[in-house]
Amino acid sequence: MSYDRLAPFYKLIESITIGPPLLNARLAHLDRLADGPPPKHVLLIGEGNGSFLLPFAQRFQETQITVIDQSAAMLKIAQSRALEAGIDITRIIFRQADMRSVTLPTNYYDLIVTLFFFDNFDESTVCKMIPALEAAATVSALWLLADFQVPEHGWRRLRARFWLAVLYVFFRAFAAIPARRLAPIEAILNSSDFKQTARKTYCGEMLYSPLFQRGV
């Protein structure tokens, strides 16, 4: 799997497909996060070109951030955008790694962020990743998720199935993602130590963004 070929065009691809709702889903809980204690160590996984990183780093100026992405090209773009925005990148670690085999510190991150990341993988792979991320999280950590879903009924369901079919064909062809369909990510997380505390939907319920907390 590699997004290197798509990295220079990724922002354009988003703008001509679903566009603003994707950004809204990413930033859905930023204000809620700001209402609580500022996170000390944050892990951003599959961040891509920095759409969440920039507004988050600007809001939380003392937080230490680790950005992990498999694509070196995406990381380079995210780092360049952060520099252009005047963000102090000495507190940001940009790390190229595959989350299927990465080693993380134990009991370290008080916020984990996975935005439109797990949809790249099948259910069995997601189920293997989540325990590793749980081990890296503190006992009261938050977990911010955003991804696609298929609504249960009506025209929204038909539209979501159409868009997901198109997107999976495209990203399997140009990024070689292994998944063919969505894994039940929300249900998997709900069965973990993390419990959902907030949830928003966008784009006719095709996009959703829940916030989870551990130890509640």
N, C-alpha and C. Protein backbone atom coordinates (compact mmCIF):
# COMPACT_ATOMS: atom_id res chain seq x y z
N MET A 1 0.85 -1.20 0.00
CA MET A 1 0.00 0.00 0.00
C MET A 1 0.88 1.24 0.00
N SER A 2 0.59 2.19 -0.89
CA SER A 2 1.36 3.43 -0.93
C SER A 2 0.53 4.55 -1.55
N TYR A 3 0.49 5.67 -0.83
CA TYR A 3 -0.19 6.86 -1.32
C TYR A 3 0.78 7.85 -1.96
N ASP A 4 2.01 7.44 -2.19
CA ASP A 4 3.02 8.35 -2.73
C ASP A 4 2.60 8.93 -4.08
N ARG A 5 2.05 8.09 -4.96
CA ARG A 5 1.64 8.57 -6.29
C ARG A 5 0.53 9.59 -6.21
N LEU A 6 -0.34 9.44 -5.20
CA LEU A 6 -1.51 10.32 -5.09
C LEU A 6 -1.24 11.57 -4.27
N ALA A 7 -0.15 11.58 -3.52
CA ALA A 7 0.10 12.66 -2.57
C ALA A 7 0.00 14.07 -3.18
N PRO A 8 0.63 14.31 -4.36
CA PRO A 8 0.56 15.68 -4.91
C PRO A 8 -0.86 16.10 -5.32
N PHE A 9 -1.74 15.13 -5.54
CA PHE A 9 -3.09 15.43 -6.04
C PHE A 9 -4.18 15.16 -5.00
N TYR A 10 -3.77 14.77 -3.78
CA TYR A 10 -4.76 14.28 -2.82
C TYR A 10 -5.77 15.35 -2.43
N LYS A 11 -5.30 16.56 -2.22
CA LYS A 11 -6.21 17.65 -1.86
C LYS A 11 -7.23 17.89 -2.97
N LEU A 12 -6.78 17.83 -4.22
CA LEU A 12 -7.68 18.02 -5.36
C LEU A 12 -8.68 16.87 -5.43
N ILE A 13 -8.21 15.64 -5.21
CA ILE A 13 -9.10 14.47 -5.26
C ILE A 13 -10.22 14.63 -4.24
N GLU A 14 -9.87 15.05 -3.04
CA GLU A 14 -10.90 15.25 -2.01
C GLU A 14 -11.89 16.34 -2.42
N SER A 15 -11.37 17.43 -2.98
CA SER A 15 -12.23 18.57 -3.30
C SER A 15 -13.23 18.26 -4.40
N ILE A 16 -12.89 17.34 -5.32
CA ILE A 16 -13.81 17.04 -6.42
C ILE A 16 -14.67 15.81 -6.12
N THR A 17 -14.46 15.19 -4.96
CA THR A 17 -15.33 14.07 -4.57
C THR A 17 -16.29 14.52 -3.48
N ILE A 18 -15.90 14.35 -2.22
CA ILE A 18 -16.80 14.68 -1.11
C ILE A 18 -16.49 16.04 -0.52
N GLY A 19 -15.24 16.47 -0.61
CA GLY A 19 -14.87 17.83 -0.27
C GLY A 19 -15.03 18.23 1.18
N PRO A 20 -15.69 19.39 1.44
CA PRO A 20 -15.76 19.95 2.81
C PRO A 20 -16.25 19.00 3.89
N PRO A 21 -17.21 18.11 3.64
CA PRO A 21 -17.62 17.21 4.73
C PRO A 21 -16.49 16.36 5.29
N LEU A 22 -15.51 16.03 4.48
CA LEU A 22 -14.37 15.27 4.98
C LEU A 22 -13.61 16.06 6.03
N LEU A 23 -13.38 17.35 5.75
CA LEU A 23 -12.69 18.19 6.73
C LEU A 23 -13.55 18.39 7.97
N ASN A 24 -14.86 18.58 7.77
CA ASN A 24 -15.76 18.75 8.92
C ASN A 24 -15.72 17.52 9.83
N ALA A 25 -15.67 16.33 9.24
CA ALA A 25 -15.61 15.11 10.04
C ALA A 25 -14.29 15.02 10.80
N ARG A 26 -13.22 15.45 10.17
CA ARG A 26 -11.92 15.42 10.84
C ARG A 26 -11.89 16.35 12.06
N LEU A 27 -12.51 17.51 11.91
CA LEU A 27 -12.42 18.54 12.95
C LEU A 27 -13.64 18.56 13.87
N ALA A 28 -14.48 17.55 13.78
CA ALA A 28 -15.77 17.55 14.47
C ALA A 28 -15.66 17.79 15.96
N HIS A 29 -14.61 17.28 16.59
CA HIS A 29 -14.52 17.33 18.06
C HIS A 29 -13.37 18.21 18.56
N LEU A 30 -12.87 19.07 17.70
CA LEU A 30 -11.74 19.90 18.09
C LEU A 30 -12.11 20.83 19.26
N ASP A 31 -13.28 21.42 19.20
CA ASP A 31 -13.73 22.30 20.29
C ASP A 31 -13.92 21.51 21.58
N ARG A 32 -14.46 20.31 21.47
CA ARG A 32 -14.66 19.47 22.65
C ARG A 32 -13.32 19.12 23.28
N LEU A 33 -12.32 18.81 22.47
CA LEU A 33 -10.99 18.52 22.99
C LEU A 33 -10.42 19.74 23.70
N ALA A 34 -10.68 20.93 23.15
CA ALA A 34 -10.16 22.15 23.74
C ALA A 34 -10.81 22.48 25.08
N ASP A 35 -12.00 21.95 25.32
CA ASP A 35 -12.71 22.19 26.59
C ASP A 35 -12.11 21.39 27.75
N GLY A 36 -11.35 20.35 27.43
CA GLY A 36 -10.77 19.52 28.48
C GLY A 36 -9.30 19.83 28.70
N PRO A 37 -8.64 19.04 29.53
CA PRO A 37 -7.20 19.23 29.74
C PRO A 37 -6.44 19.04 28.43
N PRO A 38 -5.51 19.91 28.11
CA PRO A 38 -4.78 19.76 26.84
C PRO A 38 -3.97 18.47 26.83
N PRO A 39 -4.05 17.71 25.75
CA PRO A 39 -3.27 16.47 25.68
C PRO A 39 -1.77 16.76 25.66
N LYS A 40 -1.02 15.88 26.29
CA LYS A 40 0.44 16.05 26.33
C LYS A 40 1.12 15.38 25.15
N HIS A 41 0.69 14.15 24.87
CA HIS A 41 1.30 13.38 23.78
C HIS A 41 0.20 12.81 22.89
N VAL A 42 0.26 13.14 21.63
CA VAL A 42 -0.79 12.75 20.69
C VAL A 42 -0.18 11.92 19.56
N LEU A 43 -0.90 10.88 19.16
CA LEU A 43 -0.49 10.03 18.05
C LEU A 43 -1.48 10.18 16.91
N LEU A 44 -1.01 10.68 15.78
CA LEU A 44 -1.81 10.83 14.56
C LEU A 44 -1.39 9.74 13.58
N ILE A 45 -2.32 8.87 13.24
CA ILE A 45 -1.99 7.74 12.38
C ILE A 45 -2.65 7.91 11.01
N GLY A 46 -1.86 7.73 9.96
CA GLY A 46 -2.39 7.89 8.61
C GLY A 46 -2.87 9.31 8.36
N GLU A 47 -2.14 10.27 8.86
CA GLU A 47 -2.57 11.67 8.80
C GLU A 47 -2.61 12.22 7.39
N GLY A 48 -1.82 11.65 6.50
CA GLY A 48 -1.85 12.14 5.12
C GLY A 48 -1.19 13.50 4.99
N ASN A 49 -1.86 14.44 4.31
CA ASN A 49 -1.22 15.72 3.97
C ASN A 49 -1.38 16.80 5.03
N GLY A 50 -1.88 16.45 6.21
CA GLY A 50 -1.89 17.40 7.32
C GLY A 50 -3.18 18.15 7.54
N SER A 51 -4.29 17.67 7.02
CA SER A 51 -5.56 18.39 7.14
C SER A 51 -6.03 18.54 8.58
N PHE A 52 -5.74 17.54 9.40
CA PHE A 52 -6.05 17.64 10.83
C PHE A 52 -4.88 18.21 11.61
N LEU A 53 -3.68 17.85 11.25
CA LEU A 53 -2.49 18.27 11.98
C LEU A 53 -2.40 19.79 12.13
N LEU A 54 -2.64 20.52 11.04
CA LEU A 54 -2.46 21.97 11.09
C LEU A 54 -3.40 22.64 12.08
N PRO A 55 -4.71 22.48 11.96
CA PRO A 55 -5.59 23.14 12.94
C PRO A 55 -5.39 22.61 14.36
N PHE A 56 -5.05 21.34 14.51
CA PHE A 56 -4.83 20.80 15.84
C PHE A 56 -3.58 21.42 16.46
N ALA A 57 -2.49 21.45 15.72
CA ALA A 57 -1.23 21.99 16.25
C ALA A 57 -1.36 23.48 16.56
N GLN A 58 -2.14 24.20 15.77
CA GLN A 58 -2.35 25.62 16.03
C GLN A 58 -3.17 25.84 17.29
N ARG A 59 -4.11 24.94 17.58
CA ARG A 59 -4.96 25.06 18.77
C ARG A 59 -4.21 24.61 20.03
N PHE A 60 -3.44 23.54 19.91
CA PHE A 60 -2.73 22.97 21.06
C PHE A 60 -1.22 23.18 20.87
N GLN A 61 -0.76 24.32 21.28
CA GLN A 61 0.60 24.74 20.94
C GLN A 61 1.69 24.14 21.82
N GLU A 62 1.31 23.47 22.90
CA GLU A 62 2.30 22.84 23.78
C GLU A 62 2.33 21.32 23.63
N THR A 63 1.41 20.77 22.87
CA THR A 63 1.29 19.32 22.75
C THR A 63 2.40 18.73 21.90
N GLN A 64 2.96 17.62 22.36
CA GLN A 64 3.93 16.86 21.58
C GLN A 64 3.17 15.90 20.66
N ILE A 65 3.48 15.94 19.38
CA ILE A 65 2.70 15.21 18.39
C ILE A 65 3.60 14.24 17.63
N THR A 66 3.12 13.00 17.50
CA THR A 66 3.78 12.02 16.64
C THR A 66 2.87 11.72 15.47
N VAL A 67 3.37 11.92 14.27
CA VAL A 67 2.61 11.66 13.05
C VAL A 67 3.20 10.43 12.37
N ILE A 68 2.40 9.39 12.21
CA ILE A 68 2.86 8.18 11.53
C ILE A 68 2.07 8.00 10.25
N ASP A 69 2.79 7.84 9.17
CA ASP A 69 2.16 7.58 7.88
C ASP A 69 3.08 6.68 7.08
N GLN A 70 2.50 5.81 6.29
CA GLN A 70 3.30 4.90 5.47
C GLN A 70 3.89 5.61 4.26
N SER A 71 3.30 6.75 3.88
CA SER A 71 3.72 7.46 2.68
C SER A 71 4.71 8.57 3.01
N ALA A 72 5.93 8.44 2.50
CA ALA A 72 6.94 9.49 2.69
C ALA A 72 6.51 10.78 2.01
N ALA A 73 5.85 10.67 0.87
CA ALA A 73 5.41 11.87 0.14
C ALA A 73 4.35 12.63 0.92
N MET A 74 3.42 11.91 1.54
CA MET A 74 2.39 12.55 2.36
C MET A 74 3.03 13.26 3.55
N LEU A 75 3.97 12.60 4.21
CA LEU A 75 4.64 13.19 5.35
C LEU A 75 5.38 14.47 4.96
N LYS A 76 6.01 14.44 3.82
CA LYS A 76 6.74 15.62 3.36
C LYS A 76 5.80 16.79 3.13
N ILE A 77 4.64 16.53 2.54
CA ILE A 77 3.65 17.59 2.31
C ILE A 77 3.12 18.12 3.64
N ALA A 78 2.81 17.22 4.56
CA ALA A 78 2.30 17.64 5.87
C ALA A 78 3.32 18.50 6.60
N GLN A 79 4.58 18.12 6.54
CA GLN A 79 5.63 18.89 7.19
C GLN A 79 5.80 20.27 6.54
N SER A 80 5.76 20.31 5.22
CA SER A 80 5.88 21.59 4.51
C SER A 80 4.72 22.52 4.84
N ARG A 81 3.52 21.98 4.91
CA ARG A 81 2.35 22.80 5.24
C ARG A 81 2.45 23.34 6.67
N ALA A 82 2.96 22.51 7.58
CA ALA A 82 3.12 22.96 8.96
C ALA A 82 4.14 24.10 9.05
N LEU A 83 5.22 23.97 8.32
CA LEU A 83 6.23 25.04 8.30
C LEU A 83 5.66 26.32 7.72
N GLU A 84 4.94 26.21 6.62
CA GLU A 84 4.33 27.38 5.99
C GLU A 84 3.32 28.07 6.90
N ALA A 85 2.67 27.29 7.77
CA ALA A 85 1.68 27.83 8.69
C ALA A 85 2.32 28.44 9.94
N GLY A 86 3.64 28.35 10.04
CA GLY A 86 4.34 28.92 11.18
C GLY A 86 4.29 28.06 12.43
N ILE A 87 4.02 26.78 12.27
CA ILE A 87 3.95 25.87 13.41
C ILE A 87 5.35 25.42 13.80
N ASP A 88 5.61 25.36 15.08
CA ASP A 88 6.89 24.89 15.60
C ASP A 88 6.97 23.37 15.41
N ILE A 89 7.68 22.93 14.41
CA ILE A 89 7.71 21.49 14.11
C ILE A 89 8.74 20.74 14.94
N THR A 90 9.45 21.45 15.84
CA THR A 90 10.38 20.74 16.71
C THR A 90 9.62 19.87 17.71
N ARG A 91 8.32 20.13 17.90
CA ARG A 91 7.51 19.31 18.81
C ARG A 91 6.69 18.25 18.04
N ILE A 92 6.98 18.11 16.76
CA ILE A 92 6.27 17.14 15.93
C ILE A 92 7.26 16.12 15.37
N ILE A 93 7.00 14.87 15.61
CA ILE A 93 7.79 13.78 15.02
C ILE A 93 7.06 13.27 13.80
N PHE A 94 7.68 13.34 12.64
CA PHE A 94 7.12 12.79 11.41
C PHE A 94 7.82 11.45 11.16
N ARG A 95 7.06 10.38 11.24
CA ARG A 95 7.64 9.05 11.20
C ARG A 95 7.00 8.21 10.10
N GLN A 96 7.82 7.77 9.17
CA GLN A 96 7.33 6.88 8.12
C GLN A 96 7.36 5.44 8.65
N ALA A 97 6.18 4.82 8.70
CA ALA A 97 6.11 3.45 9.22
C ALA A 97 4.80 2.82 8.80
N ASP A 98 4.79 1.51 8.79
CA ASP A 98 3.59 0.72 8.51
C ASP A 98 2.97 0.33 9.85
N MET A 99 1.74 0.75 10.11
CA MET A 99 1.11 0.49 11.39
C MET A 99 0.87 -1.00 11.64
N ARG A 100 0.98 -1.82 10.61
CA ARG A 100 0.80 -3.25 10.81
C ARG A 100 2.00 -3.89 11.50
N SER A 101 3.13 -3.16 11.56
CA SER A 101 4.33 -3.73 12.17
C SER A 101 5.09 -2.75 13.07
N VAL A 102 4.54 -1.57 13.29
CA VAL A 102 5.26 -0.55 14.03
C VAL A 102 5.32 -0.89 15.52
N THR A 103 6.38 -0.44 16.19
CA THR A 103 6.51 -0.56 17.64
C THR A 103 6.25 0.79 18.28
N LEU A 104 5.37 0.82 19.29
CA LEU A 104 4.99 2.06 19.94
C LEU A 104 5.33 1.99 21.42
N PRO A 105 5.57 3.15 22.06
CA PRO A 105 5.79 3.15 23.51
C PRO A 105 4.52 2.75 24.25
N THR A 106 4.68 2.18 25.42
CA THR A 106 3.55 1.71 26.22
C THR A 106 3.03 2.82 27.15
N ASN A 107 1.69 2.92 27.25
CA ASN A 107 1.06 3.84 28.20
C ASN A 107 1.60 5.27 28.04
N TYR A 108 1.58 5.76 26.82
CA TYR A 108 2.25 7.04 26.54
C TYR A 108 1.32 8.11 25.98
N TYR A 109 0.48 7.76 25.02
CA TYR A 109 -0.33 8.77 24.32
C TYR A 109 -1.67 8.97 25.03
N ASP A 110 -2.02 10.24 25.27
CA ASP A 110 -3.32 10.51 25.88
C ASP A 110 -4.37 10.92 24.85
N LEU A 111 -4.00 10.93 23.59
CA LEU A 111 -4.96 11.09 22.50
C LEU A 111 -4.45 10.34 21.28
N ILE A 112 -5.29 9.47 20.74
CA ILE A 112 -4.99 8.75 19.50
C ILE A 112 -5.97 9.23 18.44
N VAL A 113 -5.48 9.50 17.25
CA VAL A 113 -6.30 10.04 16.17
C VAL A 113 -6.15 9.15 14.94
N THR A 114 -7.27 8.58 14.51
CA THR A 114 -7.29 7.74 13.30
C THR A 114 -8.42 8.25 12.41
N LEU A 115 -8.09 9.07 11.45
CA LEU A 115 -9.09 9.71 10.60
C LEU A 115 -8.99 9.14 9.18
N PHE A 116 -10.04 8.46 8.76
CA PHE A 116 -10.07 7.85 7.42
C PHE A 116 -8.82 7.01 7.18
N PHE A 117 -8.51 6.21 8.18
CA PHE A 117 -7.33 5.34 8.12
C PHE A 117 -7.71 3.87 8.05
N PHE A 118 -8.57 3.43 8.97
CA PHE A 118 -8.90 2.01 9.05
C PHE A 118 -9.65 1.50 7.83
N ASP A 119 -10.27 2.41 7.04
CA ASP A 119 -10.99 1.96 5.85
C ASP A 119 -10.06 1.40 4.78
N ASN A 120 -8.74 1.53 4.99
CA ASN A 120 -7.77 0.94 4.06
C ASN A 120 -7.57 -0.56 4.29
N PHE A 121 -8.07 -1.08 5.42
CA PHE A 121 -7.70 -2.43 5.84
C PHE A 121 -8.93 -3.30 6.07
N ASP A 122 -8.73 -4.61 5.98
CA ASP A 122 -9.83 -5.54 6.25
C ASP A 122 -10.00 -5.70 7.76
N GLU A 123 -11.08 -6.36 8.13
CA GLU A 123 -11.44 -6.46 9.55
C GLU A 123 -10.37 -7.15 10.38
N SER A 124 -9.79 -8.21 9.86
CA SER A 124 -8.79 -8.94 10.64
C SER A 124 -7.57 -8.08 10.94
N THR A 125 -7.18 -7.24 9.98
CA THR A 125 -6.03 -6.36 10.19
C THR A 125 -6.36 -5.28 11.21
N VAL A 126 -7.57 -4.71 11.11
CA VAL A 126 -7.99 -3.70 12.08
C VAL A 126 -7.98 -4.29 13.49
N CYS A 127 -8.48 -5.51 13.62
CA CYS A 127 -8.54 -6.15 14.94
C CYS A 127 -7.15 -6.41 15.52
N LYS A 128 -6.15 -6.55 14.68
CA LYS A 128 -4.78 -6.72 15.15
C LYS A 128 -4.15 -5.39 15.55
N MET A 129 -4.52 -4.31 14.85
CA MET A 129 -3.93 -3.01 15.13
C MET A 129 -4.43 -2.43 16.45
N ILE A 130 -5.71 -2.57 16.72
CA ILE A 130 -6.32 -1.87 17.85
C ILE A 130 -5.71 -2.27 19.20
N PRO A 131 -5.43 -3.54 19.49
CA PRO A 131 -4.78 -3.86 20.76
C PRO A 131 -3.41 -3.19 20.92
N ALA A 132 -2.66 -3.06 19.82
CA ALA A 132 -1.36 -2.39 19.90
C ALA A 132 -1.52 -0.92 20.24
N LEU A 133 -2.56 -0.31 19.69
CA LEU A 133 -2.82 1.10 19.99
C LEU A 133 -3.35 1.26 21.42
N GLU A 134 -4.17 0.31 21.87
CA GLU A 134 -4.63 0.35 23.26
C GLU A 134 -3.44 0.31 24.22
N ALA A 135 -2.46 -0.52 23.91
CA ALA A 135 -1.28 -0.64 24.78
C ALA A 135 -0.47 0.65 24.81
N ALA A 136 -0.53 1.41 23.72
CA ALA A 136 0.22 2.67 23.65
C ALA A 136 -0.49 3.83 24.32
N ALA A 137 -1.78 3.64 24.66
CA ALA A 137 -2.59 4.71 25.22
C ALA A 137 -2.53 4.71 26.75
N THR A 138 -2.70 5.89 27.32
CA THR A 138 -2.77 6.01 28.77
C THR A 138 -4.11 5.48 29.28
N VAL A 139 -4.24 5.38 30.59
CA VAL A 139 -5.43 4.76 31.19
C VAL A 139 -6.69 5.60 31.01
N SER A 140 -6.53 6.89 30.73
CA SER A 140 -7.70 7.76 30.52
C SER A 140 -7.67 8.43 29.14
N ALA A 141 -7.01 7.81 28.20
CA ALA A 141 -6.80 8.40 26.88
C ALA A 141 -8.10 8.59 26.11
N LEU A 142 -8.08 9.55 25.20
CA LEU A 142 -9.14 9.76 24.23
C LEU A 142 -8.74 9.16 22.90
N TRP A 143 -9.75 8.79 22.12
CA TRP A 143 -9.50 8.25 20.78
C TRP A 143 -10.47 8.94 19.83
N LEU A 144 -9.93 9.64 18.87
CA LEU A 144 -10.74 10.36 17.88
C LEU A 144 -10.72 9.59 16.57
N LEU A 145 -11.90 9.29 16.08
CA LEU A 145 -12.06 8.49 14.86
C LEU A 145 -12.93 9.24 13.87
N ALA A 146 -12.66 9.10 12.60
CA ALA A 146 -13.57 9.54 11.55
C ALA A 146 -13.45 8.56 10.39
N ASP A 147 -14.58 8.22 9.79
CA ASP A 147 -14.53 7.28 8.68
C ASP A 147 -15.85 7.26 7.93
N PHE A 148 -15.92 6.37 6.95
CA PHE A 148 -17.13 6.19 6.16
C PHE A 148 -18.04 5.16 6.82
N GLN A 149 -19.32 5.24 6.50
CA GLN A 149 -20.27 4.23 6.90
C GLN A 149 -21.38 4.17 5.86
N VAL A 150 -22.15 3.09 5.91
CA VAL A 150 -23.29 2.93 5.02
C VAL A 150 -24.56 3.07 5.86
N PRO A 151 -25.35 4.13 5.64
CA PRO A 151 -26.61 4.28 6.38
C PRO A 151 -27.51 3.07 6.17
N GLU A 152 -28.44 2.88 7.08
CA GLU A 152 -29.26 1.67 7.05
C GLU A 152 -30.34 1.68 5.98
N HIS A 153 -30.88 2.87 5.64
CA HIS A 153 -32.06 2.89 4.77
C HIS A 153 -31.99 4.01 3.73
N GLY A 154 -32.83 3.85 2.70
CA GLY A 154 -33.16 4.93 1.78
C GLY A 154 -32.07 5.35 0.83
N TRP A 155 -32.28 6.57 0.28
CA TRP A 155 -31.37 7.09 -0.74
C TRP A 155 -29.98 7.32 -0.19
N ARG A 156 -29.87 7.60 1.10
CA ARG A 156 -28.54 7.81 1.70
C ARG A 156 -27.72 6.51 1.64
N ARG A 157 -28.38 5.40 1.85
CA ARG A 157 -27.70 4.12 1.77
C ARG A 157 -27.23 3.85 0.34
N LEU A 158 -28.08 4.11 -0.63
CA LEU A 158 -27.71 3.89 -2.03
C LEU A 158 -26.55 4.78 -2.44
N ARG A 159 -26.61 6.06 -2.03
CA ARG A 159 -25.53 6.99 -2.38
C ARG A 159 -24.21 6.56 -1.76
N ALA A 160 -24.26 6.17 -0.49
CA ALA A 160 -23.03 5.76 0.20
C ALA A 160 -22.43 4.52 -0.46
N ARG A 161 -23.27 3.56 -0.81
CA ARG A 161 -22.76 2.34 -1.46
C ARG A 161 -22.13 2.66 -2.81
N PHE A 162 -22.73 3.61 -3.54
CA PHE A 162 -22.16 4.02 -4.83
C PHE A 162 -20.78 4.65 -4.63
N TRP A 163 -20.71 5.65 -3.72
CA TRP A 163 -19.45 6.34 -3.52
C TRP A 163 -18.36 5.41 -3.00
N LEU A 164 -18.71 4.53 -2.10
CA LEU A 164 -17.71 3.61 -1.56
C LEU A 164 -17.22 2.64 -2.62
N ALA A 165 -18.10 2.19 -3.49
CA ALA A 165 -17.67 1.33 -4.59
C ALA A 165 -16.68 2.05 -5.49
N VAL A 166 -16.99 3.31 -5.81
CA VAL A 166 -16.09 4.11 -6.65
C VAL A 166 -14.74 4.32 -5.96
N LEU A 167 -14.78 4.71 -4.69
CA LEU A 167 -13.56 5.02 -3.96
C LEU A 167 -12.68 3.79 -3.77
N TYR A 168 -13.29 2.65 -3.50
CA TYR A 168 -12.48 1.44 -3.31
C TYR A 168 -11.83 1.00 -4.62
N VAL A 169 -12.54 1.10 -5.72
CA VAL A 169 -11.94 0.78 -7.02
C VAL A 169 -10.76 1.71 -7.29
N PHE A 170 -10.96 3.01 -7.04
CA PHE A 170 -9.92 4.00 -7.31
C PHE A 170 -8.69 3.76 -6.44
N PHE A 171 -8.88 3.63 -5.14
CA PHE A 171 -7.73 3.53 -4.24
C PHE A 171 -7.07 2.16 -4.28
N ARG A 172 -7.79 1.14 -4.65
CA ARG A 172 -7.14 -0.15 -4.87
C ARG A 172 -6.25 -0.10 -6.11
N ALA A 173 -6.69 0.67 -7.11
CA ALA A 173 -5.91 0.78 -8.35
C ALA A 173 -4.69 1.68 -8.19
N PHE A 174 -4.84 2.81 -7.50
CA PHE A 174 -3.77 3.81 -7.47
C PHE A 174 -2.97 3.84 -6.18
N ALA A 175 -3.48 3.22 -5.10
CA ALA A 175 -2.73 3.19 -3.85
C ALA A 175 -2.53 1.76 -3.34
N ALA A 176 -3.09 0.79 -4.04
CA ALA A 176 -2.94 -0.63 -3.70
C ALA A 176 -3.39 -0.93 -2.26
N ILE A 177 -4.49 -0.29 -1.83
CA ILE A 177 -4.98 -0.59 -0.49
C ILE A 177 -5.52 -2.02 -0.47
N PRO A 178 -5.36 -2.73 0.65
CA PRO A 178 -5.78 -4.13 0.69
C PRO A 178 -7.28 -4.33 0.88
N ALA A 179 -7.98 -3.36 1.42
CA ALA A 179 -9.41 -3.54 1.74
C ALA A 179 -10.28 -3.50 0.50
N ARG A 180 -11.39 -4.21 0.56
CA ARG A 180 -12.41 -4.17 -0.48
C ARG A 180 -13.73 -3.60 0.04
N ARG A 181 -13.86 -3.54 1.36
CA ARG A 181 -15.08 -3.03 1.98
C ARG A 181 -14.74 -2.51 3.37
N LEU A 182 -15.67 -1.80 3.97
CA LEU A 182 -15.46 -1.23 5.30
C LEU A 182 -15.46 -2.32 6.37
N ALA A 183 -14.54 -2.21 7.29
CA ALA A 183 -14.58 -3.04 8.48
C ALA A 183 -15.49 -2.37 9.51
N PRO A 184 -16.08 -3.12 10.43
CA PRO A 184 -16.96 -2.53 11.46
C PRO A 184 -16.14 -1.86 12.56
N ILE A 185 -15.48 -0.78 12.19
CA ILE A 185 -14.50 -0.15 13.07
C ILE A 185 -15.12 0.33 14.37
N GLU A 186 -16.26 1.00 14.26
CA GLU A 186 -16.90 1.56 15.44
C GLU A 186 -17.29 0.45 16.43
N ALA A 187 -17.81 -0.63 15.93
CA ALA A 187 -18.19 -1.74 16.79
C ALA A 187 -16.98 -2.38 17.45
N ILE A 188 -15.88 -2.48 16.71
CA ILE A 188 -14.66 -3.05 17.27
C ILE A 188 -14.14 -2.18 18.41
N LEU A 189 -14.14 -0.87 18.21
CA LEU A 189 -13.66 0.02 19.27
C LEU A 189 -14.61 0.01 20.47
N ASN A 190 -15.90 -0.08 20.21
CA ASN A 190 -16.86 -0.12 21.31
C ASN A 190 -16.70 -1.37 22.17
N SER A 191 -16.11 -2.41 21.61
CA SER A 191 -15.89 -3.64 22.37
C SER A 191 -14.53 -3.64 23.07
N SER A 192 -13.78 -2.55 22.93
CA SER A 192 -12.48 -2.43 23.57
C SER A 192 -12.63 -1.72 24.91
N ASP A 193 -11.50 -1.27 25.46
CA ASP A 193 -11.53 -0.50 26.71
C ASP A 193 -12.04 0.92 26.50
N PHE A 194 -12.19 1.33 25.26
CA PHE A 194 -12.64 2.68 24.95
C PHE A 194 -14.15 2.69 24.74
N LYS A 195 -14.82 3.67 25.34
CA LYS A 195 -16.27 3.81 25.21
C LYS A 195 -16.61 5.15 24.56
N GLN A 196 -17.60 5.10 23.69
CA GLN A 196 -17.97 6.28 22.92
C GLN A 196 -18.63 7.34 23.82
N THR A 197 -18.18 8.58 23.70
CA THR A 197 -18.72 9.68 24.49
C THR A 197 -19.39 10.76 23.64
N ALA A 198 -19.14 10.75 22.33
CA ALA A 198 -19.76 11.74 21.44
C ALA A 198 -19.71 11.20 20.02
N ARG A 199 -20.64 11.70 19.18
CA ARG A 199 -20.68 11.20 17.80
C ARG A 199 -21.39 12.22 16.92
N LYS A 200 -20.81 12.48 15.74
CA LYS A 200 -21.43 13.37 14.75
C LYS A 200 -21.40 12.68 13.39
N THR A 201 -22.36 13.02 12.54
CA THR A 201 -22.38 12.49 11.18
C THR A 201 -22.44 13.63 10.17
N TYR A 202 -22.00 13.34 8.95
CA TYR A 202 -21.94 14.34 7.89
C TYR A 202 -22.28 13.69 6.56
N CYS A 203 -22.57 14.54 5.60
CA CYS A 203 -22.78 14.11 4.22
C CYS A 203 -23.85 13.01 4.13
N GLY A 204 -25.04 13.33 4.66
CA GLY A 204 -26.12 12.36 4.61
C GLY A 204 -25.80 11.07 5.34
N GLU A 205 -25.08 11.20 6.47
CA GLU A 205 -24.70 10.07 7.33
C GLU A 205 -23.69 9.13 6.68
N MET A 206 -23.08 9.54 5.58
CA MET A 206 -22.05 8.70 4.97
C MET A 206 -20.72 8.79 5.71
N LEU A 207 -20.50 9.91 6.40
CA LEU A 207 -19.30 10.10 7.19
C LEU A 207 -19.71 10.20 8.66
N TYR A 208 -18.92 9.62 9.52
CA TYR A 208 -19.20 9.73 10.95
C TYR A 208 -17.91 10.00 11.72
N SER A 209 -18.05 10.66 12.85
CA SER A 209 -16.89 10.99 13.68
C SER A 209 -17.25 10.80 15.14
N PRO A 210 -16.89 9.68 15.73
CA PRO A 210 -17.09 9.47 17.16
C PRO A 210 -15.85 9.80 17.95
N LEU A 211 -16.07 10.14 19.22
CA LEU A 211 -14.98 10.36 20.17
C LEU A 211 -15.12 9.31 21.27
N PHE A 212 -14.03 8.63 21.58
CA PHE A 212 -14.03 7.59 22.60
C PHE A 212 -13.12 8.01 23.76
N GLN A 213 -13.41 7.47 24.92
CA GLN A 213 -12.53 7.68 26.07
C GLN A 213 -12.34 6.37 26.80
N ARG A 214 -11.15 6.20 27.31
CA ARG A 214 -10.83 5.01 28.08
C ARG A 214 -11.13 5.25 29.56
N GLY A 215 -11.61 4.22 30.23
CA GLY A 215 -11.80 4.30 31.66
C GLY A 215 -13.05 5.02 32.11
N VAL A 216 -14.05 5.15 31.22
CA VAL A 216 -15.30 5.81 31.63
C VAL A 216 -16.40 4.76 31.80
